[in-house]
């Protein structure tokens, strides 16, 4: 193999592996950003319902960690539509999009 072909092959190989590494890095960053987004939405529930919905000691707020994702989503939609009343939850639920409510329900819902 002559030097020119060798350098051309090497340049192609370096470019290929650089693109592959960049793609993995971007995918990892996207996954990290998505995880952060999901956790941040779920964290908005922590003030009242405790970390991961496990409740707070001597608090009157319900523990939501035993609800399935479907049950959580049903309750969030009921608060948003006004079908279920509450002190703060109807106002909070109205601030979420359907996609955000699904994300919260999926993140906090009991995994079976």
PDB file of N, CA and C in Angstrom:
ATOM      1  N   UNK A   1       0.865  -1.166   0.000  1.00  0.00           N
ATOM      2  CA  UNK A   1       0.000   0.000   0.000  1.00  0.00           C
ATOM      3  C   UNK A   1       0.908   1.223   0.000  1.00  0.00           C
ATOM      4  N   UNK A   2       0.652   2.146  -0.901  1.00  0.00           N
ATOM      5  CA  UNK A   2       1.510   3.319  -0.930  1.00  0.00           C
ATOM      6  C   UNK A   2       1.090   4.309   0.159  1.00  0.00           C
ATOM      7  N   UNK A   3       1.938   5.272   0.379  1.00  0.00           N
ATOM      8  CA  UNK A   3       1.748   6.226   1.470  1.00  0.00           C
ATOM      9  C   UNK A   3       0.460   7.027   1.311  1.00  0.00           C
ATOM     10  N   UNK A   4       0.127   7.458   0.107  1.00  0.00           N
ATOM     11  CA  UNK A   4      -1.066   8.276  -0.138  1.00  0.00           C
ATOM     12  C   UNK A   4      -2.331   7.478   0.197  1.00  0.00           C
ATOM     13  N   UNK A   5      -2.382   6.208  -0.245  1.00  0.00           N
ATOM     14  CA  UNK A   5      -3.546   5.368   0.064  1.00  0.00           C
ATOM     15  C   UNK A   5      -3.626   5.115   1.573  1.00  0.00           C
ATOM     16  N   UNK A   6      -2.481   4.906   2.197  1.00  0.00           N
ATOM     17  CA  UNK A   6      -2.450   4.659   3.643  1.00  0.00           C
ATOM     18  C   UNK A   6      -3.002   5.862   4.400  1.00  0.00           C
ATOM     19  N   UNK A   7      -2.574   7.060   4.035  1.00  0.00           N
ATOM     20  CA  UNK A   7      -3.035   8.272   4.706  1.00  0.00           C
ATOM     21  C   UNK A   7      -4.532   8.493   4.456  1.00  0.00           C
ATOM     22  N   UNK A   8      -4.989   8.198   3.262  1.00  0.00           N
ATOM     23  CA  UNK A   8      -6.412   8.336   2.945  1.00  0.00           C
ATOM     24  C   UNK A   8      -7.235   7.363   3.779  1.00  0.00           C
ATOM     25  N   UNK A   9      -6.769   6.111   3.853  1.00  0.00           N
ATOM     26  CA  UNK A   9      -7.459   5.110   4.660  1.00  0.00           C
ATOM     27  C   UNK A   9      -7.476   5.529   6.130  1.00  0.00           C
ATOM     28  N   UNK A  10      -6.349   6.022   6.609  1.00  0.00           N
ATOM     29  CA  UNK A  10      -6.246   6.453   8.008  1.00  0.00           C
ATOM     30  C   UNK A  10      -7.194   7.620   8.283  1.00  0.00           C
ATOM     31  N   UNK A  11      -7.271   8.565   7.378  1.00  0.00           N
ATOM     32  CA  UNK A  11      -8.169   9.717   7.549  1.00  0.00           C
ATOM     33  C   UNK A  11      -9.629   9.264   7.597  1.00  0.00           C
ATOM     34  N   UNK A  12      -9.988   8.326   6.748  1.00  0.00           N
ATOM     35  CA  UNK A  12     -11.356   7.800   6.742  1.00  0.00           C
ATOM     36  C   UNK A  12     -11.652   7.074   8.056  1.00  0.00           C
ATOM     37  N   UNK A  13     -10.687   6.267   8.511  1.00  0.00           N
ATOM     38  CA  UNK A  13     -10.872   5.528   9.760  1.00  0.00           C
ATOM     39  C   UNK A  13     -11.013   6.479  10.941  1.00  0.00           C
ATOM     40  N   UNK A  14     -10.195   7.501  11.001  1.00  0.00           N
ATOM     41  CA  UNK A  14     -10.268   8.480  12.094  1.00  0.00           C
ATOM     42  C   UNK A  14     -11.602   9.212  12.050  1.00  0.00           C
ATOM     43  N   UNK A  15     -12.024   9.604  10.880  1.00  0.00           N
ATOM     44  CA  UNK A  15     -13.311  10.284  10.731  1.00  0.00           C
ATOM     45  C   UNK A  15     -14.455   9.391  11.181  1.00  0.00           C
ATOM     46  N   UNK A  16     -14.435   8.144  10.777  1.00  0.00           N
ATOM     47  CA  UNK A  16     -15.490   7.198  11.141  1.00  0.00           C
ATOM     48  C   UNK A  16     -15.569   7.040  12.663  1.00  0.00           C
ATOM     49  N   UNK A  17     -14.432   6.779  13.298  1.00  0.00           N
ATOM     50  CA  UNK A  17     -14.423   6.572  14.740  1.00  0.00           C
ATOM     51  C   UNK A  17     -14.756   7.855  15.505  1.00  0.00           C
ATOM     52  N   UNK A  18     -14.356   9.002  14.972  1.00  0.00           N
ATOM     53  CA  UNK A  18     -14.717  10.276  15.603  1.00  0.00           C
ATOM     54  C   UNK A  18     -16.220  10.480  15.570  1.00  0.00           C
ATOM     55  N   UNK A  19     -16.818  10.199  14.422  1.00  0.00           N
ATOM     56  CA  UNK A  19     -18.279  10.324  14.298  1.00  0.00           C
ATOM     57  C   UNK A  19     -18.985   9.345  15.221  1.00  0.00           C
ATOM     58  N   UNK A  20     -18.471   8.140  15.310  1.00  0.00           N
ATOM     59  CA  UNK A  20     -19.063   7.135  16.180  1.00  0.00           C
ATOM     60  C   UNK A  20     -18.999   7.588  17.636  1.00  0.00           C
ATOM     61  N   UNK A  21     -17.856   8.091  18.055  1.00  0.00           N
ATOM     62  CA  UNK A  21     -17.707   8.565  19.436  1.00  0.00           C
ATOM     63  C   UNK A  21     -18.593   9.779  19.687  1.00  0.00           C
ATOM     64  N   UNK A  22     -18.693  10.685  18.736  1.00  0.00           N
ATOM     65  CA  UNK A  22     -19.543  11.866  18.881  1.00  0.00           C
ATOM     66  C   UNK A  22     -20.989  11.441  19.017  1.00  0.00           C
ATOM     67  N   UNK A  23     -21.415  10.481  18.206  1.00  0.00           N
ATOM     68  CA  UNK A  23     -22.793  10.002  18.251  1.00  0.00           C
ATOM     69  C   UNK A  23     -23.103   9.383  19.610  1.00  0.00           C
ATOM     70  N   UNK A  24     -22.196   8.600  20.150  1.00  0.00           N
ATOM     71  CA  UNK A  24     -22.390   7.989  21.470  1.00  0.00           C
ATOM     72  C   UNK A  24     -22.472   9.080  22.522  1.00  0.00           C
ATOM     73  N   UNK A  25     -21.615  10.083  22.420  1.00  0.00           N
ATOM     74  CA  UNK A  25     -21.605  11.185  23.379  1.00  0.00           C
ATOM     75  C   UNK A  25     -22.917  11.968  23.328  1.00  0.00           C
ATOM     76  N   UNK A  26     -23.386  12.280  22.125  1.00  0.00           N
ATOM     77  CA  UNK A  26     -24.646  13.015  21.964  1.00  0.00           C
ATOM     78  C   UNK A  26     -25.808  12.182  22.493  1.00  0.00           C
ATOM     79  N   UNK A  27     -25.800  10.888  22.209  1.00  0.00           N
ATOM     80  CA  UNK A  27     -26.859  10.006  22.703  1.00  0.00           C
ATOM     81  C   UNK A  27     -26.848   9.976  24.220  1.00  0.00           C
ATOM     82  N   UNK A  28     -25.674   9.888  24.823  1.00  0.00           N
ATOM     83  CA  UNK A  28     -25.564   9.874  26.287  1.00  0.00           C
ATOM     84  C   UNK A  28     -26.033  11.197  26.868  1.00  0.00           C
ATOM     85  N   UNK A  29     -25.672  12.310  26.230  1.00  0.00           N
ATOM     86  CA  UNK A  29     -26.103  13.619  26.709  1.00  0.00           C
ATOM     87  C   UNK A  29     -27.620  13.765  26.579  1.00  0.00           C
ATOM     88  N   UNK A  30     -28.179  13.282  25.491  1.00  0.00           N
ATOM     89  CA  UNK A  30     -29.620  13.354  25.293  1.00  0.00           C
ATOM     90  C   UNK A  30     -30.336  12.528  26.349  1.00  0.00           C
ATOM     91  N   UNK A  31     -29.821  11.328  26.620  1.00  0.00           N
ATOM     92  CA  UNK A  31     -30.417  10.475  27.648  1.00  0.00           C
ATOM     93  C   UNK A  31     -30.314  11.140  29.007  1.00  0.00           C
ATOM     94  N   UNK A  32     -29.167  11.733  29.314  1.00  0.00           N
ATOM     95  CA  UNK A  32     -28.991  12.428  30.585  1.00  0.00           C
ATOM     96  C   UNK A  32     -29.954  13.598  30.701  1.00  0.00           C
ATOM     97  N   UNK A  33     -30.118  14.349  29.640  1.00  0.00           N
ATOM     98  CA  UNK A  33     -31.045  15.481  29.650  1.00  0.00           C
ATOM     99  C   UNK A  33     -32.481  15.005  29.829  1.00  0.00           C
ATOM    100  N   UNK A  34     -32.827  13.914  29.184  1.00  0.00           N
ATOM    101  CA  UNK A  34     -34.173  13.362  29.315  1.00  0.00           C
ATOM    102  C   UNK A  34     -34.406  12.862  30.741  1.00  0.00           C
ATOM    103  N   UNK A  35     -33.436  12.177  31.317  1.00  0.00           N
ATOM    104  CA  UNK A  35     -33.553  11.709  32.703  1.00  0.00           C
ATOM    105  C   UNK A  35     -33.706  12.886  33.660  1.00  0.00           C
ATOM    106  N   UNK A  36     -32.920  13.928  33.458  1.00  0.00           N
ATOM    107  CA  UNK A  36     -32.993  15.116  34.300  1.00  0.00           C
ATOM    108  C   UNK A  36     -34.366  15.772  34.184  1.00  0.00           C
ATOM    109  N   UNK A  37     -34.888  15.862  32.973  1.00  0.00           N
ATOM    110  CA  UNK A  37     -36.216  16.435  32.744  1.00  0.00           C
ATOM    111  C   UNK A  37     -37.280  15.625  33.482  1.00  0.00           C
ATOM    112  N   UNK A  38     -37.221  14.309  33.380  1.00  0.00           N
ATOM    113  CA  UNK A  38     -38.207  13.452  34.043  1.00  0.00           C
ATOM    114  C   UNK A  38     -38.104  13.586  35.561  1.00  0.00           C
ATOM    115  N   UNK A  39     -36.894  13.569  36.081  1.00  0.00           N
ATOM    116  CA  UNK A  39     -36.707  13.700  37.532  1.00  0.00           C
ATOM    117  C   UNK A  39     -37.167  15.061  38.031  1.00  0.00           C
ATOM    118  N   UNK A  40     -36.907  16.108  37.245  1.00  0.00           N
ATOM    119  CA  UNK A  40     -37.299  17.449  37.687  1.00  0.00           C
ATOM    120  C   UNK A  40     -38.820  17.595  37.724  1.00  0.00           C
ATOM    121  N   UNK A  41     -39.502  17.001  36.763  1.00  0.00           N
ATOM    122  CA  UNK A  41     -40.968  17.039  36.804  1.00  0.00           C
ATOM    123  C   UNK A  41     -41.487  16.279  38.025  1.00  0.00           C
ATOM    124  N   UNK A  42     -40.955  15.107  38.270  1.00  0.00           N
ATOM    125  CA  UNK A  42     -41.387  14.301  39.417  1.00  0.00           C
ATOM    126  C   UNK A  42     -41.045  14.999  40.731  1.00  0.00           C
ATOM    127  N   UNK A  43     -39.958  15.749  40.757  1.00  0.00           N
ATOM    128  CA  UNK A  43     -39.542  16.436  41.978  1.00  0.00           C
ATOM    129  C   UNK A  43     -40.533  17.517  42.397  1.00  0.00           C
ATOM    130  N   UNK A  44     -41.320  18.017  41.466  1.00  0.00           N
ATOM    131  CA  UNK A  44     -42.303  19.035  41.827  1.00  0.00           C
ATOM    132  C   UNK A  44     -43.363  18.481  42.772  1.00  0.00           C
ATOM    133  N   UNK A  45     -43.492  17.180  42.833  1.00  0.00           N
ATOM    134  CA  UNK A  45     -44.467  16.535  43.723  1.00  0.00           C
ATOM    135  C   UNK A  45     -43.896  16.321  45.127  1.00  0.00           C
ATOM    136  N   UNK A  46     -42.582  16.413  45.258  1.00  0.00           N
ATOM    137  CA  UNK A  46     -41.905  16.051  46.507  1.00  0.00           C
ATOM    138  C   UNK A  46     -42.252  16.968  47.674  1.00  0.00           C
ATOM    139  N   UNK A  47     -42.516  18.238  47.415  1.00  0.00           N
ATOM    140  CA  UNK A  47     -42.815  19.146  48.525  1.00  0.00           C
ATOM    141  C   UNK A  47     -43.981  18.656  49.364  1.00  0.00           C
ATOM    142  N   UNK A  48     -44.985  18.127  48.720  1.00  0.00           N
ATOM    143  CA  UNK A  48     -46.172  17.666  49.445  1.00  0.00           C
ATOM    144  C   UNK A  48     -46.194  16.153  49.649  1.00  0.00           C
ATOM    145  N   UNK A  49     -45.761  15.412  48.652  1.00  0.00           N
ATOM    146  CA  UNK A  49     -45.898  13.951  48.672  1.00  0.00           C
ATOM    147  C   UNK A  49     -44.604  13.222  49.032  1.00  0.00           C
ATOM    148  N   UNK A  50     -43.551  13.966  49.325  1.00  0.00           N
ATOM    149  CA  UNK A  50     -42.283  13.355  49.715  1.00  0.00           C
ATOM    150  C   UNK A  50     -41.478  12.883  48.516  1.00  0.00           C
ATOM    151  N   UNK A  51     -40.222  12.605  48.773  1.00  0.00           N
ATOM    152  CA  UNK A  51     -39.325  12.140  47.725  1.00  0.00           C
ATOM    153  C   UNK A  51     -39.858  10.849  47.118  1.00  0.00           C
ATOM    154  N   UNK A  52     -39.939  10.819  45.819  1.00  0.00           N
ATOM    155  CA  UNK A  52     -40.446   9.667  45.068  1.00  0.00           C
ATOM    156  C   UNK A  52     -41.863   9.269  45.491  1.00  0.00           C
ATOM    157  N   UNK A  53     -42.615  10.219  46.051  1.00  0.00           N
ATOM    158  CA  UNK A  53     -44.005   9.957  46.415  1.00  0.00           C
ATOM    159  C   UNK A  53     -44.179   9.113  47.658  1.00  0.00           C
ATOM    160  N   UNK A  54     -43.124   8.939  48.441  1.00  0.00           N
ATOM    161  CA  UNK A  54     -43.168   8.058  49.620  1.00  0.00           C
ATOM    162  C   UNK A  54     -43.803   8.713  50.844  1.00  0.00           C
ATOM    163  N   UNK A  55     -44.224   9.953  50.706  1.00  0.00           N
ATOM    164  CA  UNK A  55     -44.894  10.639  51.806  1.00  0.00           C
ATOM    165  C   UNK A  55     -43.914  11.261  52.775  1.00  0.00           C
ATOM    166  N   UNK A  56     -44.479  12.010  53.708  1.00  0.00           N
ATOM    167  CA  UNK A  56     -43.689  12.664  54.732  1.00  0.00           C
ATOM    168  C   UNK A  56     -44.225  12.248  56.094  1.00  0.00           C
ATOM    169  N   UNK A  57     -43.353  12.158  57.080  1.00  0.00           N
ATOM    170  CA  UNK A  57     -43.757  11.799  58.434  1.00  0.00           C
ATOM    171  C   UNK A  57     -44.810  12.769  58.946  1.00  0.00           C
ATOM    172  N   UNK A  58     -45.856  12.236  59.534  1.00  0.00           N
ATOM    173  CA  UNK A  58     -46.922  13.016  60.162  1.00  0.00           C
ATOM    174  C   UNK A  58     -47.538  14.050  59.225  1.00  0.00           C
ATOM    175  N   UNK A  59     -47.606  13.755  57.962  1.00  0.00           N
ATOM    176  CA  UNK A  59     -48.210  14.678  56.998  1.00  0.00           C
ATOM    177  C   UNK A  59     -49.571  14.147  56.573  1.00  0.00           C
ATOM    178  N   UNK A  60     -50.425  15.059  56.187  1.00  0.00           N
ATOM    179  CA  UNK A  60     -51.771  14.653  55.780  1.00  0.00           C
ATOM    180  C   UNK A  60     -51.872  14.365  54.285  1.00  0.00           C
ATOM    181  N   UNK A  61     -50.815  14.624  53.560  1.00  0.00           N
ATOM    182  CA  UNK A  61     -50.837  14.375  52.120  1.00  0.00           C
ATOM    183  C   UNK A  61     -50.722  12.880  51.841  1.00  0.00           C
ATOM    184  N   UNK A  62     -51.424  12.418  50.825  1.00  0.00           N
ATOM    185  CA  UNK A  62     -51.365  10.981  50.530  1.00  0.00           C
ATOM    186  C   UNK A  62     -50.002  10.561  49.983  1.00  0.00           C
ATOM    187  N   UNK A  63     -49.652   9.325  50.320  1.00  0.00           N
ATOM    188  CA  UNK A  63     -48.453   8.714  49.744  1.00  0.00           C
ATOM    189  C   UNK A  63     -48.873   8.193  48.373  1.00  0.00           C
ATOM    190  N   UNK A  64     -48.160   8.599  47.361  1.00  0.00           N
ATOM    191  CA  UNK A  64     -48.547   8.221  45.995  1.00  0.00           C
ATOM    192  C   UNK A  64     -47.638   7.159  45.394  1.00  0.00           C
ATOM    193  N   UNK A  65     -46.676   6.673  46.164  1.00  0.00           N
ATOM    194  CA  UNK A  65     -45.715   5.712  45.615  1.00  0.00           C
ATOM    195  C   UNK A  65     -46.310   4.329  45.383  1.00  0.00           C
ATOM    196  N   UNK A  66     -47.485   4.055  45.923  1.00  0.00           N
ATOM    197  CA  UNK A  66     -48.103   2.742  45.723  1.00  0.00           C
ATOM    198  C   UNK A  66     -49.115   2.744  44.576  1.00  0.00           C
ATOM    199  N   UNK A  67     -49.325   3.883  43.966  1.00  0.00           N
ATOM    200  CA  UNK A  67     -50.227   3.959  42.820  1.00  0.00           C
ATOM    201  C   UNK A  67     -49.488   3.556  41.549  1.00  0.00           C
ATOM    202  N   UNK A  68     -50.206   2.924  40.650  1.00  0.00           N
ATOM    203  CA  UNK A  68     -49.606   2.604  39.350  1.00  0.00           C
ATOM    204  C   UNK A  68     -49.544   3.881  38.516  1.00  0.00           C
ATOM    205  N   UNK A  69     -48.797   3.831  37.446  1.00  0.00           N
ATOM    206  CA  UNK A  69     -48.718   4.973  36.541  1.00  0.00           C
ATOM    207  C   UNK A  69     -50.102   5.343  36.023  1.00  0.00           C
ATOM    208  N   UNK A  70     -50.890   4.339  35.698  1.00  0.00           N
ATOM    209  CA  UNK A  70     -52.242   4.576  35.186  1.00  0.00           C
ATOM    210  C   UNK A  70     -53.115   5.261  36.238  1.00  0.00           C
ATOM    211  N   UNK A  71     -53.022   4.813  37.483  1.00  0.00           N
ATOM    212  CA  UNK A  71     -53.805   5.423  38.558  1.00  0.00           C
ATOM    213  C   UNK A  71     -53.374   6.871  38.800  1.00  0.00           C
ATOM    214  N   UNK A  72     -52.086   7.115  38.792  1.00  0.00           N
ATOM    215  CA  UNK A  72     -51.596   8.483  38.966  1.00  0.00           C
ATOM    216  C   UNK A  72     -52.081   9.392  37.846  1.00  0.00           C
ATOM    217  N   UNK A  73     -51.962   8.919  36.630  1.00  0.00           N
ATOM    218  CA  UNK A  73     -52.385   9.717  35.492  1.00  0.00           C
ATOM    219  C   UNK A  73     -53.882  10.009  35.558  1.00  0.00           C
ATOM    220  N   UNK A  74     -54.674   9.031  35.938  1.00  0.00           N
ATOM    221  CA  UNK A  74     -56.126   9.224  36.071  1.00  0.00           C
ATOM    222  C   UNK A  74     -56.423  10.323  37.093  1.00  0.00           C
ATOM    223  N   UNK A  75     -55.723  10.295  38.220  1.00  0.00           N
ATOM    224  CA  UNK A  75     -55.939  11.307  39.258  1.00  0.00           C
ATOM    225  C   UNK A  75     -55.497  12.693  38.786  1.00  0.00           C
ATOM    226  N   UNK A  76     -54.348  12.773  38.130  1.00  0.00           N
ATOM    227  CA  UNK A  76     -53.879  14.059  37.617  1.00  0.00           C
ATOM    228  C   UNK A  76     -54.864  14.648  36.615  1.00  0.00           C
ATOM    229  N   UNK A  77     -55.376  13.804  35.724  1.00  0.00           N
ATOM    230  CA  UNK A  77     -56.355  14.273  34.736  1.00  0.00           C
ATOM    231  C   UNK A  77     -57.646  14.719  35.412  1.00  0.00           C
ATOM    232  N   UNK A  78     -58.054  14.010  36.458  1.00  0.00           N
ATOM    233  CA  UNK A  78     -59.273  14.382  37.179  1.00  0.00           C
ATOM    234  C   UNK A  78     -59.099  15.744  37.858  1.00  0.00           C
ATOM    235  N   UNK A  79     -57.932  15.987  38.439  1.00  0.00           N
ATOM    236  CA  UNK A  79     -57.670  17.294  39.035  1.00  0.00           C
ATOM    237  C   UNK A  79     -57.674  18.381  37.963  1.00  0.00           C
ATOM    238  N   UNK A  80     -57.037  18.095  36.844  1.00  0.00           N
ATOM    239  CA  UNK A  80     -56.926  19.096  35.772  1.00  0.00           C
ATOM    240  C   UNK A  80     -58.291  19.449  35.192  1.00  0.00           C
ATOM    241  N   UNK A  81     -59.143  18.457  35.027  1.00  0.00           N
ATOM    242  CA  UNK A  81     -60.463  18.701  34.417  1.00  0.00           C
ATOM    243  C   UNK A  81     -61.469  19.282  35.406  1.00  0.00           C
ATOM    244  N   UNK A  82     -61.162  19.181  36.695  1.00  0.00           N
ATOM    245  CA  UNK A  82     -62.103  19.645  37.705  1.00  0.00           C
ATOM    246  C   UNK A  82     -63.013  18.539  38.217  1.00  0.00           C
ATOM    247  N   UNK A  83     -62.875  17.332  37.686  1.00  0.00           N
ATOM    248  CA  UNK A  83     -63.692  16.202  38.135  1.00  0.00           C
ATOM    249  C   UNK A  83     -63.352  15.832  39.580  1.00  0.00           C
ATOM    250  N   UNK A  84     -62.145  16.143  40.014  1.00  0.00           N
ATOM    251  CA  UNK A  84     -61.751  15.899  41.400  1.00  0.00           C
ATOM    252  C   UNK A  84     -61.337  17.229  42.003  1.00  0.00           C
ATOM    253  N   UNK A  85     -61.822  17.490  43.212  1.00  0.00           N
ATOM    254  CA  UNK A  85     -61.487  18.747  43.873  1.00  0.00           C
ATOM    255  C   UNK A  85     -60.298  18.548  44.796  1.00  0.00           C
ATOM    256  N   UNK A  86     -59.730  19.635  45.195  1.00  0.00           N
ATOM    257  CA  UNK A  86     -58.608  19.613  46.112  1.00  0.00           C
ATOM    258  C   UNK A  86     -58.212  21.033  46.445  1.00  0.00           C
ATOM    259  N   UNK A  87     -57.248  21.173  47.315  1.00  0.00           N
ATOM    260  CA  UNK A  87     -56.818  22.517  47.692  1.00  0.00           C
ATOM    261  C   UNK A  87     -55.860  23.107  46.650  1.00  0.00           C
ATOM    262  N   UNK A  88     -54.789  22.421  46.382  1.00  0.00           N
ATOM    263  CA  UNK A  88     -53.773  22.939  45.467  1.00  0.00           C
ATOM    264  C   UNK A  88     -53.641  22.120  44.185  1.00  0.00           C
ATOM    265  N   UNK A  89     -53.983  20.840  44.246  1.00  0.00           N
ATOM    266  CA  UNK A  89     -53.771  19.956  43.100  1.00  0.00           C
ATOM    267  C   UNK A  89     -54.495  20.397  41.827  1.00  0.00           C
ATOM    268  N   UNK A  90     -55.729  20.896  41.878  1.00  0.00           N
ATOM    269  CA  UNK A  90     -56.347  21.337  40.625  1.00  0.00           C
ATOM    270  C   UNK A  90     -55.543  22.445  39.936  1.00  0.00           C
ATOM    271  N   UNK A  91     -55.025  23.375  40.725  1.00  0.00           N
ATOM    272  CA  UNK A  91     -54.232  24.456  40.130  1.00  0.00           C
ATOM    273  C   UNK A  91     -52.915  23.936  39.575  1.00  0.00           C
ATOM    274  N   UNK A  92     -52.274  23.045  40.315  1.00  0.00           N
ATOM    275  CA  UNK A  92     -51.005  22.489  39.841  1.00  0.00           C
ATOM    276  C   UNK A  92     -51.211  21.670  38.571  1.00  0.00           C
ATOM    277  N   UNK A  93     -52.218  20.825  38.570  1.00  0.00           N
ATOM    278  CA  UNK A  93     -52.458  19.946  37.417  1.00  0.00           C
ATOM    279  C   UNK A  93     -52.753  20.742  36.153  1.00  0.00           C
ATOM    280  N   UNK A  94     -53.439  21.862  36.303  1.00  0.00           N
ATOM    281  CA  UNK A  94     -53.744  22.703  35.133  1.00  0.00           C
ATOM    282  C   UNK A  94     -52.487  23.289  34.509  1.00  0.00           C
ATOM    283  N   UNK A  95     -51.405  23.340  35.275  1.00  0.00           N
ATOM    284  CA  UNK A  95     -50.153  23.874  34.752  1.00  0.00           C
ATOM    285  C   UNK A  95     -49.325  22.876  33.956  1.00  0.00           C
ATOM    286  N   UNK A  96     -49.744  21.624  33.950  1.00  0.00           N
ATOM    287  CA  UNK A  96     -49.006  20.589  33.226  1.00  0.00           C
ATOM    288  C   UNK A  96     -49.677  20.254  31.910  1.00  0.00           C
ATOM    289  N   UNK A  97     -48.865  19.951  30.923  1.00  0.00           N
ATOM    290  CA  UNK A  97     -49.404  19.437  29.661  1.00  0.00           C
ATOM    291  C   UNK A  97     -49.741  17.965  29.872  1.00  0.00           C
ATOM    292  N   UNK A  98     -50.478  17.389  28.950  1.00  0.00           N
ATOM    293  CA  UNK A  98     -50.784  15.959  29.036  1.00  0.00           C
ATOM    294  C   UNK A  98     -49.499  15.131  29.015  1.00  0.00           C
ATOM    295  N   UNK A  99     -48.549  15.549  28.206  1.00  0.00           N
ATOM    296  CA  UNK A  99     -47.265  14.843  28.125  1.00  0.00           C
ATOM    297  C   UNK A  99     -46.519  14.912  29.452  1.00  0.00           C
ATOM    298  N   UNK A 100     -46.529  16.067  30.094  1.00  0.00           N
ATOM    299  CA  UNK A 100     -45.851  16.205  31.378  1.00  0.00           C
ATOM    300  C   UNK A 100     -46.520  15.347  32.451  1.00  0.00           C
ATOM    301  N   UNK A 101     -47.840  15.305  32.442  1.00  0.00           N
ATOM    302  CA  UNK A 101     -48.548  14.460  33.404  1.00  0.00           C
ATOM    303  C   UNK A 101     -48.217  12.988  33.172  1.00  0.00           C
ATOM    304  N   UNK A 102     -48.108  12.590  31.925  1.00  0.00           N
ATOM    305  CA  UNK A 102     -47.735  11.205  31.605  1.00  0.00           C
ATOM    306  C   UNK A 102     -46.328  10.907  32.111  1.00  0.00           C
ATOM    307  N   UNK A 103     -45.420  11.857  31.936  1.00  0.00           N
ATOM    308  CA  UNK A 103     -44.047  11.692  32.400  1.00  0.00           C
ATOM    309  C   UNK A 103     -43.999  11.534  33.914  1.00  0.00           C
ATOM    310  N   UNK A 104     -44.735  12.377  34.626  1.00  0.00           N
ATOM    311  CA  UNK A 104     -44.787  12.296  36.090  1.00  0.00           C
ATOM    312  C   UNK A 104     -45.359  10.946  36.518  1.00  0.00           C
ATOM    313  N   UNK A 105     -46.451  10.553  35.900  1.00  0.00           N
ATOM    314  CA  UNK A 105     -47.090   9.278  36.255  1.00  0.00           C
ATOM    315  C   UNK A 105     -46.158   8.113  35.985  1.00  0.00           C
ATOM    316  N   UNK A 106     -45.479   8.135  34.852  1.00  0.00           N
ATOM    317  CA  UNK A 106     -44.544   7.058  34.519  1.00  0.00           C
ATOM    318  C   UNK A 106     -43.370   7.014  35.486  1.00  0.00           C
ATOM    319  N   UNK A 107     -42.893   8.182  35.882  1.00  0.00           N
ATOM    320  CA  UNK A 107     -41.725   8.236  36.763  1.00  0.00           C
ATOM    321  C   UNK A 107     -42.077   7.805  38.184  1.00  0.00           C
ATOM    322  N   UNK A 108     -43.197   8.297  38.702  1.00  0.00           N
ATOM    323  CA  UNK A 108     -43.557   8.010  40.090  1.00  0.00           C
ATOM    324  C   UNK A 108     -44.424   6.770  40.285  1.00  0.00           C
ATOM    325  N   UNK A 109     -45.046   6.315  39.221  1.00  0.00           N
ATOM    326  CA  UNK A 109     -45.939   5.177  39.343  1.00  0.00           C
ATOM    327  C   UNK A 109     -45.237   3.903  39.788  1.00  0.00           C
ATOM    328  N   UNK A 110     -45.960   3.117  40.545  1.00  0.00           N
ATOM    329  CA  UNK A 110     -45.430   1.850  41.057  1.00  0.00           C
ATOM    330  C   UNK A 110     -45.068   0.939  39.900  1.00  0.00           C
ATOM    331  N   UNK A 111     -43.859   0.464  39.940  1.00  0.00           N
ATOM    332  CA  UNK A 111     -43.384  -0.442  38.888  1.00  0.00           C
ATOM    333  C   UNK A 111     -43.788  -1.856  39.264  1.00  0.00           C
ATOM    334  N   UNK A 112     -44.427  -2.536  38.354  1.00  0.00           N
ATOM    335  CA  UNK A 112     -44.928  -3.878  38.660  1.00  0.00           C
ATOM    336  C   UNK A 112     -44.039  -4.953  38.092  1.00  0.00           C
TER     337      UNK A 112
END
